[in-house]
N, C-alpha and C. Protein backbone atom coordinates (compact mmCIF):
# COMPACT_ATOMS: atom_id res chain seq x y z
N MET A 1 0.33 -20.21 4.62
CA MET A 1 -0.87 -19.43 4.82
C MET A 1 -0.51 -17.95 4.91
N LEU A 2 -1.22 -17.12 4.17
CA LEU A 2 -1.01 -15.67 4.21
C LEU A 2 -1.48 -15.12 5.55
N ARG A 3 -0.62 -14.36 6.18
CA ARG A 3 -0.99 -13.77 7.45
C ARG A 3 -0.64 -12.30 7.51
N LYS A 4 -0.28 -11.70 6.39
CA LYS A 4 0.10 -10.29 6.38
C LYS A 4 -0.82 -9.54 5.44
N ILE A 5 -1.21 -8.34 5.89
CA ILE A 5 -2.06 -7.51 5.06
C ILE A 5 -1.39 -6.17 4.80
N LEU A 6 -1.77 -5.58 3.68
CA LEU A 6 -1.14 -4.36 3.20
C LEU A 6 -1.65 -3.13 3.93
N SER A 7 -0.72 -2.29 4.33
CA SER A 7 -1.05 -0.98 4.87
C SER A 7 -0.57 0.04 3.85
N THR A 8 -1.51 0.70 3.18
CA THR A 8 -1.13 1.70 2.19
C THR A 8 -0.70 3.01 2.84
N THR A 9 -1.01 3.18 4.10
CA THR A 9 -0.53 4.36 4.83
C THR A 9 0.96 4.23 5.08
N ASN A 10 1.38 3.06 5.51
CA ASN A 10 2.79 2.83 5.85
C ASN A 10 3.61 2.28 4.69
N TYR A 11 2.95 1.80 3.64
CA TYR A 11 3.60 1.10 2.54
C TYR A 11 4.38 -0.10 3.08
N SER A 12 3.67 -0.92 3.82
CA SER A 12 4.29 -2.13 4.35
C SER A 12 3.20 -3.17 4.58
N TYR A 13 3.63 -4.39 4.82
CA TYR A 13 2.71 -5.46 5.18
C TYR A 13 2.80 -5.67 6.69
N LEU A 14 1.64 -5.86 7.31
CA LEU A 14 1.58 -6.07 8.75
C LEU A 14 0.94 -7.42 9.03
N ASN A 15 1.42 -8.09 10.08
CA ASN A 15 0.75 -9.33 10.44
C ASN A 15 -0.63 -8.99 11.00
N ILE A 16 -1.50 -9.95 11.00
CA ILE A 16 -2.90 -9.73 11.38
C ILE A 16 -3.01 -9.17 12.80
N LYS A 17 -2.24 -9.70 13.71
CA LYS A 17 -2.30 -9.24 15.11
C LYS A 17 -1.94 -7.75 15.21
N ARG A 18 -0.88 -7.34 14.53
CA ARG A 18 -0.46 -5.93 14.55
C ARG A 18 -1.50 -5.06 13.85
N ALA A 19 -2.05 -5.55 12.75
CA ALA A 19 -3.06 -4.80 12.02
C ALA A 19 -4.30 -4.56 12.88
N LEU A 20 -4.69 -5.57 13.64
CA LEU A 20 -5.84 -5.40 14.54
C LEU A 20 -5.57 -4.35 15.60
N ALA A 21 -4.34 -4.30 16.09
CA ALA A 21 -3.98 -3.30 17.10
C ALA A 21 -4.02 -1.89 16.51
N LEU A 22 -3.73 -1.77 15.22
CA LEU A 22 -3.71 -0.45 14.56
C LEU A 22 -4.99 -0.14 13.79
N LYS A 23 -5.98 -1.00 13.91
CA LYS A 23 -7.22 -0.90 13.14
C LYS A 23 -7.86 0.48 13.20
N ASP A 24 -7.88 1.09 14.36
CA ASP A 24 -8.55 2.38 14.50
C ASP A 24 -7.72 3.56 13.98
N SER A 25 -6.42 3.39 13.86
CA SER A 25 -5.58 4.51 13.42
C SER A 25 -5.23 4.47 11.93
N LEU A 26 -5.47 3.37 11.25
CA LEU A 26 -5.16 3.27 9.83
C LEU A 26 -6.46 3.11 9.03
N PRO A 27 -6.83 4.11 8.25
CA PRO A 27 -8.13 4.11 7.57
C PRO A 27 -8.33 2.98 6.56
N GLU A 28 -7.26 2.49 5.96
CA GLU A 28 -7.42 1.45 4.95
C GLU A 28 -7.98 0.14 5.52
N PHE A 29 -7.85 -0.07 6.81
CA PHE A 29 -8.36 -1.29 7.42
C PHE A 29 -9.88 -1.28 7.56
N ARG A 30 -10.49 -0.08 7.44
CA ARG A 30 -11.94 0.03 7.59
C ARG A 30 -12.64 0.46 6.30
N SER A 31 -11.89 0.69 5.23
CA SER A 31 -12.51 1.17 3.99
C SER A 31 -12.43 0.12 2.89
N GLY A 32 -13.22 0.34 1.85
CA GLY A 32 -13.23 -0.58 0.72
C GLY A 32 -14.24 -1.70 0.92
N ARG A 33 -14.32 -2.57 -0.06
CA ARG A 33 -15.27 -3.70 0.02
C ARG A 33 -14.82 -4.73 1.03
N ILE A 34 -13.50 -4.89 1.18
CA ILE A 34 -12.97 -5.89 2.11
C ILE A 34 -12.26 -5.14 3.23
N THR A 35 -12.69 -5.37 4.44
CA THR A 35 -12.10 -4.70 5.60
C THR A 35 -11.43 -5.74 6.49
N ILE A 36 -10.68 -5.26 7.45
CA ILE A 36 -10.04 -6.20 8.37
C ILE A 36 -11.10 -6.96 9.17
N ASP A 37 -12.24 -6.32 9.43
CA ASP A 37 -13.31 -7.01 10.14
C ASP A 37 -13.87 -8.19 9.34
N SER A 38 -14.01 -8.00 8.03
CA SER A 38 -14.51 -9.11 7.21
C SER A 38 -13.48 -10.25 7.13
N ILE A 39 -12.21 -9.90 7.17
CA ILE A 39 -11.17 -10.92 7.20
C ILE A 39 -11.26 -11.72 8.50
N MET A 40 -11.48 -11.01 9.60
CA MET A 40 -11.55 -11.67 10.91
C MET A 40 -12.78 -12.56 11.02
N VAL A 41 -13.87 -12.20 10.36
CA VAL A 41 -15.06 -13.06 10.35
C VAL A 41 -14.70 -14.39 9.70
N GLU A 42 -13.98 -14.32 8.58
CA GLU A 42 -13.54 -15.55 7.90
C GLU A 42 -12.62 -16.37 8.79
N ARG A 43 -11.73 -15.69 9.48
CA ARG A 43 -10.76 -16.38 10.33
C ARG A 43 -11.46 -17.08 11.50
N LYS A 44 -12.39 -16.38 12.15
CA LYS A 44 -13.10 -16.94 13.30
C LYS A 44 -14.03 -18.08 12.92
N SER A 45 -14.56 -18.02 11.70
CA SER A 45 -15.49 -19.07 11.29
C SER A 45 -14.77 -20.37 10.96
N GLY A 46 -13.45 -20.28 10.82
CA GLY A 46 -12.67 -21.48 10.54
C GLY A 46 -12.78 -21.92 9.09
N LYS A 47 -13.39 -21.09 8.28
CA LYS A 47 -13.53 -21.43 6.86
C LYS A 47 -12.18 -21.38 6.17
N SER A 48 -12.09 -22.09 5.09
CA SER A 48 -10.85 -22.08 4.32
C SER A 48 -10.72 -20.79 3.52
N GLY A 49 -11.72 -19.92 3.58
CA GLY A 49 -11.71 -18.68 2.83
C GLY A 49 -10.86 -17.59 3.44
N PHE A 50 -10.26 -17.84 4.60
CA PHE A 50 -9.45 -16.82 5.27
C PHE A 50 -8.29 -16.36 4.39
N GLU A 51 -7.55 -17.31 3.87
CA GLU A 51 -6.40 -16.96 3.03
C GLU A 51 -6.83 -16.22 1.78
N GLU A 52 -7.93 -16.64 1.19
CA GLU A 52 -8.46 -15.96 0.01
C GLU A 52 -8.91 -14.54 0.36
N SER A 53 -9.50 -14.35 1.53
CA SER A 53 -9.90 -13.01 1.97
C SER A 53 -8.70 -12.09 2.11
N VAL A 54 -7.62 -12.61 2.67
CA VAL A 54 -6.40 -11.81 2.82
C VAL A 54 -5.85 -11.45 1.44
N ARG A 55 -5.84 -12.39 0.54
CA ARG A 55 -5.34 -12.15 -0.81
C ARG A 55 -6.19 -11.08 -1.52
N LEU A 56 -7.51 -11.19 -1.40
CA LEU A 56 -8.40 -10.22 -2.01
C LEU A 56 -8.26 -8.84 -1.37
N TYR A 57 -8.12 -8.81 -0.05
CA TYR A 57 -7.91 -7.55 0.66
C TYR A 57 -6.67 -6.85 0.12
N ASN A 58 -5.55 -7.58 0.05
CA ASN A 58 -4.29 -7.00 -0.42
C ASN A 58 -4.41 -6.51 -1.86
N ALA A 59 -5.07 -7.27 -2.71
CA ALA A 59 -5.24 -6.87 -4.10
C ALA A 59 -6.10 -5.61 -4.21
N GLU A 60 -7.19 -5.57 -3.44
CA GLU A 60 -8.06 -4.39 -3.47
C GLU A 60 -7.33 -3.14 -3.00
N LYS A 61 -6.62 -3.25 -1.89
CA LYS A 61 -5.92 -2.08 -1.35
C LYS A 61 -4.83 -1.60 -2.29
N ALA A 62 -4.11 -2.52 -2.92
CA ALA A 62 -3.06 -2.13 -3.87
C ALA A 62 -3.68 -1.41 -5.07
N ALA A 63 -4.78 -1.93 -5.59
CA ALA A 63 -5.45 -1.30 -6.74
C ALA A 63 -5.98 0.08 -6.38
N LEU A 64 -6.58 0.21 -5.21
CA LEU A 64 -7.09 1.51 -4.77
C LEU A 64 -5.96 2.53 -4.60
N GLU A 65 -4.83 2.08 -4.08
CA GLU A 65 -3.69 2.98 -3.89
C GLU A 65 -3.11 3.41 -5.23
N VAL A 66 -3.01 2.49 -6.17
CA VAL A 66 -2.50 2.84 -7.50
C VAL A 66 -3.41 3.89 -8.14
N ALA A 67 -4.72 3.70 -8.05
CA ALA A 67 -5.66 4.65 -8.63
C ALA A 67 -5.54 6.02 -7.95
N ARG A 68 -5.41 6.02 -6.64
CA ARG A 68 -5.30 7.27 -5.89
C ARG A 68 -4.00 8.01 -6.23
N VAL A 69 -2.90 7.29 -6.25
CA VAL A 69 -1.60 7.89 -6.55
C VAL A 69 -1.57 8.39 -7.99
N ARG A 70 -2.12 7.62 -8.89
CA ARG A 70 -2.14 8.04 -10.30
C ARG A 70 -2.90 9.36 -10.45
N GLU A 71 -4.03 9.49 -9.76
CA GLU A 71 -4.80 10.72 -9.83
C GLU A 71 -4.01 11.90 -9.23
N LEU A 72 -3.38 11.68 -8.08
CA LEU A 72 -2.59 12.73 -7.45
C LEU A 72 -1.46 13.20 -8.37
N PHE A 73 -0.74 12.25 -8.95
CA PHE A 73 0.40 12.58 -9.78
C PHE A 73 -0.03 13.22 -11.09
N SER A 74 -1.14 12.78 -11.65
CA SER A 74 -1.57 13.33 -12.94
C SER A 74 -2.05 14.76 -12.80
N ARG A 75 -2.57 15.13 -11.64
CA ARG A 75 -2.97 16.52 -11.40
C ARG A 75 -1.76 17.43 -11.29
N GLY A 76 -0.62 16.85 -10.94
CA GLY A 76 0.62 17.61 -10.88
C GLY A 76 0.78 18.46 -9.63
N ASP A 77 -0.10 18.29 -8.67
CA ASP A 77 0.01 19.12 -7.46
C ASP A 77 0.82 18.46 -6.36
N ILE A 78 1.46 17.36 -6.68
CA ILE A 78 2.29 16.68 -5.69
C ILE A 78 3.53 16.11 -6.38
N ASN A 79 4.65 16.21 -5.71
CA ASN A 79 5.90 15.68 -6.23
C ASN A 79 5.97 14.19 -5.91
N PRO A 80 6.03 13.31 -6.93
CA PRO A 80 6.03 11.86 -6.69
C PRO A 80 7.16 11.40 -5.77
N ARG A 81 8.34 11.94 -5.97
CA ARG A 81 9.50 11.55 -5.14
C ARG A 81 9.25 11.90 -3.68
N LYS A 82 8.79 13.12 -3.45
CA LYS A 82 8.52 13.56 -2.08
C LYS A 82 7.41 12.72 -1.45
N TYR A 83 6.37 12.45 -2.23
CA TYR A 83 5.25 11.64 -1.73
C TYR A 83 5.74 10.28 -1.23
N LEU A 84 6.54 9.63 -2.05
CA LEU A 84 7.04 8.30 -1.68
C LEU A 84 8.00 8.35 -0.49
N LEU A 85 8.88 9.33 -0.48
CA LEU A 85 9.87 9.41 0.60
C LEU A 85 9.26 9.84 1.94
N GLU A 86 8.05 10.35 1.92
CA GLU A 86 7.37 10.73 3.16
C GLU A 86 6.62 9.56 3.81
N LYS A 87 6.47 8.46 3.10
CA LYS A 87 5.79 7.30 3.67
C LYS A 87 6.62 6.75 4.83
N PRO A 88 6.00 6.43 5.97
CA PRO A 88 6.75 6.00 7.16
C PRO A 88 7.71 4.84 6.92
N LYS A 89 7.28 3.82 6.20
CA LYS A 89 8.13 2.66 5.95
C LYS A 89 9.35 3.04 5.12
N ILE A 90 9.14 3.88 4.12
CA ILE A 90 10.24 4.29 3.26
C ILE A 90 11.20 5.21 4.01
N LYS A 91 10.65 6.08 4.85
CA LYS A 91 11.49 6.96 5.67
C LYS A 91 12.39 6.17 6.61
N ALA A 92 11.84 5.12 7.20
CA ALA A 92 12.54 4.38 8.24
C ALA A 92 13.50 3.31 7.70
N ASP A 93 13.26 2.83 6.51
CA ASP A 93 14.04 1.71 5.98
C ASP A 93 15.03 2.20 4.92
N ARG A 94 16.30 2.21 5.25
CA ARG A 94 17.34 2.73 4.36
C ARG A 94 17.36 1.99 3.03
N ILE A 95 17.21 0.68 3.06
CA ILE A 95 17.27 -0.11 1.82
C ILE A 95 16.12 0.24 0.90
N VAL A 96 14.92 0.35 1.44
CA VAL A 96 13.76 0.72 0.63
C VAL A 96 13.94 2.13 0.07
N ARG A 97 14.41 3.04 0.91
CA ARG A 97 14.64 4.42 0.48
C ARG A 97 15.64 4.47 -0.69
N GLU A 98 16.71 3.69 -0.59
CA GLU A 98 17.71 3.65 -1.66
C GLU A 98 17.11 3.09 -2.96
N LYS A 99 16.22 2.11 -2.84
CA LYS A 99 15.56 1.56 -4.04
C LYS A 99 14.65 2.59 -4.69
N VAL A 100 13.94 3.36 -3.86
CA VAL A 100 13.09 4.42 -4.40
C VAL A 100 13.95 5.46 -5.12
N GLU A 101 15.04 5.87 -4.49
CA GLU A 101 15.95 6.85 -5.11
C GLU A 101 16.52 6.32 -6.43
N LYS A 102 16.88 5.04 -6.46
CA LYS A 102 17.41 4.44 -7.69
C LYS A 102 16.35 4.47 -8.79
N CYS A 103 15.14 4.16 -8.45
CA CYS A 103 14.04 4.18 -9.41
C CYS A 103 13.84 5.60 -9.96
N VAL A 104 13.88 6.59 -9.09
CA VAL A 104 13.73 7.98 -9.51
C VAL A 104 14.86 8.36 -10.46
N ARG A 105 16.10 7.96 -10.15
CA ARG A 105 17.24 8.26 -11.03
C ARG A 105 17.08 7.59 -12.39
N LEU A 106 16.65 6.34 -12.40
CA LEU A 106 16.47 5.63 -13.66
C LEU A 106 15.40 6.29 -14.52
N MET A 107 14.32 6.72 -13.89
CA MET A 107 13.24 7.37 -14.65
C MET A 107 13.68 8.70 -15.21
N SER A 108 14.58 9.39 -14.52
CA SER A 108 15.02 10.69 -15.00
C SER A 108 15.88 10.59 -16.26
N ARG A 109 16.35 9.40 -16.58
CA ARG A 109 17.15 9.20 -17.80
C ARG A 109 16.29 9.24 -19.06
N TYR A 110 14.99 8.99 -18.89
CA TYR A 110 14.11 8.99 -20.04
C TYR A 110 13.78 10.43 -20.44
N ARG A 111 13.34 10.58 -21.66
CA ARG A 111 13.03 11.92 -22.17
C ARG A 111 12.03 12.64 -21.29
N SER A 112 10.97 11.96 -20.92
CA SER A 112 9.97 12.57 -20.05
C SER A 112 10.38 12.34 -18.60
N LYS A 113 10.32 13.35 -17.82
CA LYS A 113 10.73 13.24 -16.43
C LYS A 113 9.53 13.15 -15.48
N ARG A 114 8.33 13.00 -16.06
CA ARG A 114 7.14 12.91 -15.23
C ARG A 114 6.78 11.46 -14.99
N LEU A 115 6.58 11.09 -13.74
CA LEU A 115 6.20 9.71 -13.39
C LEU A 115 4.88 9.33 -14.02
N THR A 116 3.98 10.27 -14.18
CA THR A 116 2.66 9.95 -14.73
C THR A 116 2.73 9.47 -16.16
N ASP A 117 3.79 9.78 -16.89
CA ASP A 117 3.93 9.31 -18.25
C ASP A 117 4.12 7.80 -18.32
N PHE A 118 4.49 7.19 -17.21
CA PHE A 118 4.73 5.75 -17.18
C PHE A 118 3.49 4.99 -16.71
N MET A 119 2.46 5.70 -16.32
CA MET A 119 1.25 5.04 -15.78
C MET A 119 0.20 4.91 -16.85
């Protein structure tokens, strides 16, 4: 059973209990068509739709983040590397940070050095 939901602020997955504790401080839990409150309604009702709600929530948040990041990067007013490395999860996790750096290095080998060319 899925019990983790995506936090696009932190770039990490949080268990439901932790997400509820952070509900007021992370805007993604209250925005979009599917919110953490709608997930909790499914959970409390005991319906089998809880897992599907979590899956839909994660998909919606990932899609919204991709659209937002693509717009930011295409305008050119933000450095993609800096944007990613400033995310709390990436800052705190050495392994994730190294993977981001590796990705940036690999992309720089291509003729175009702009991340938006790959989107």
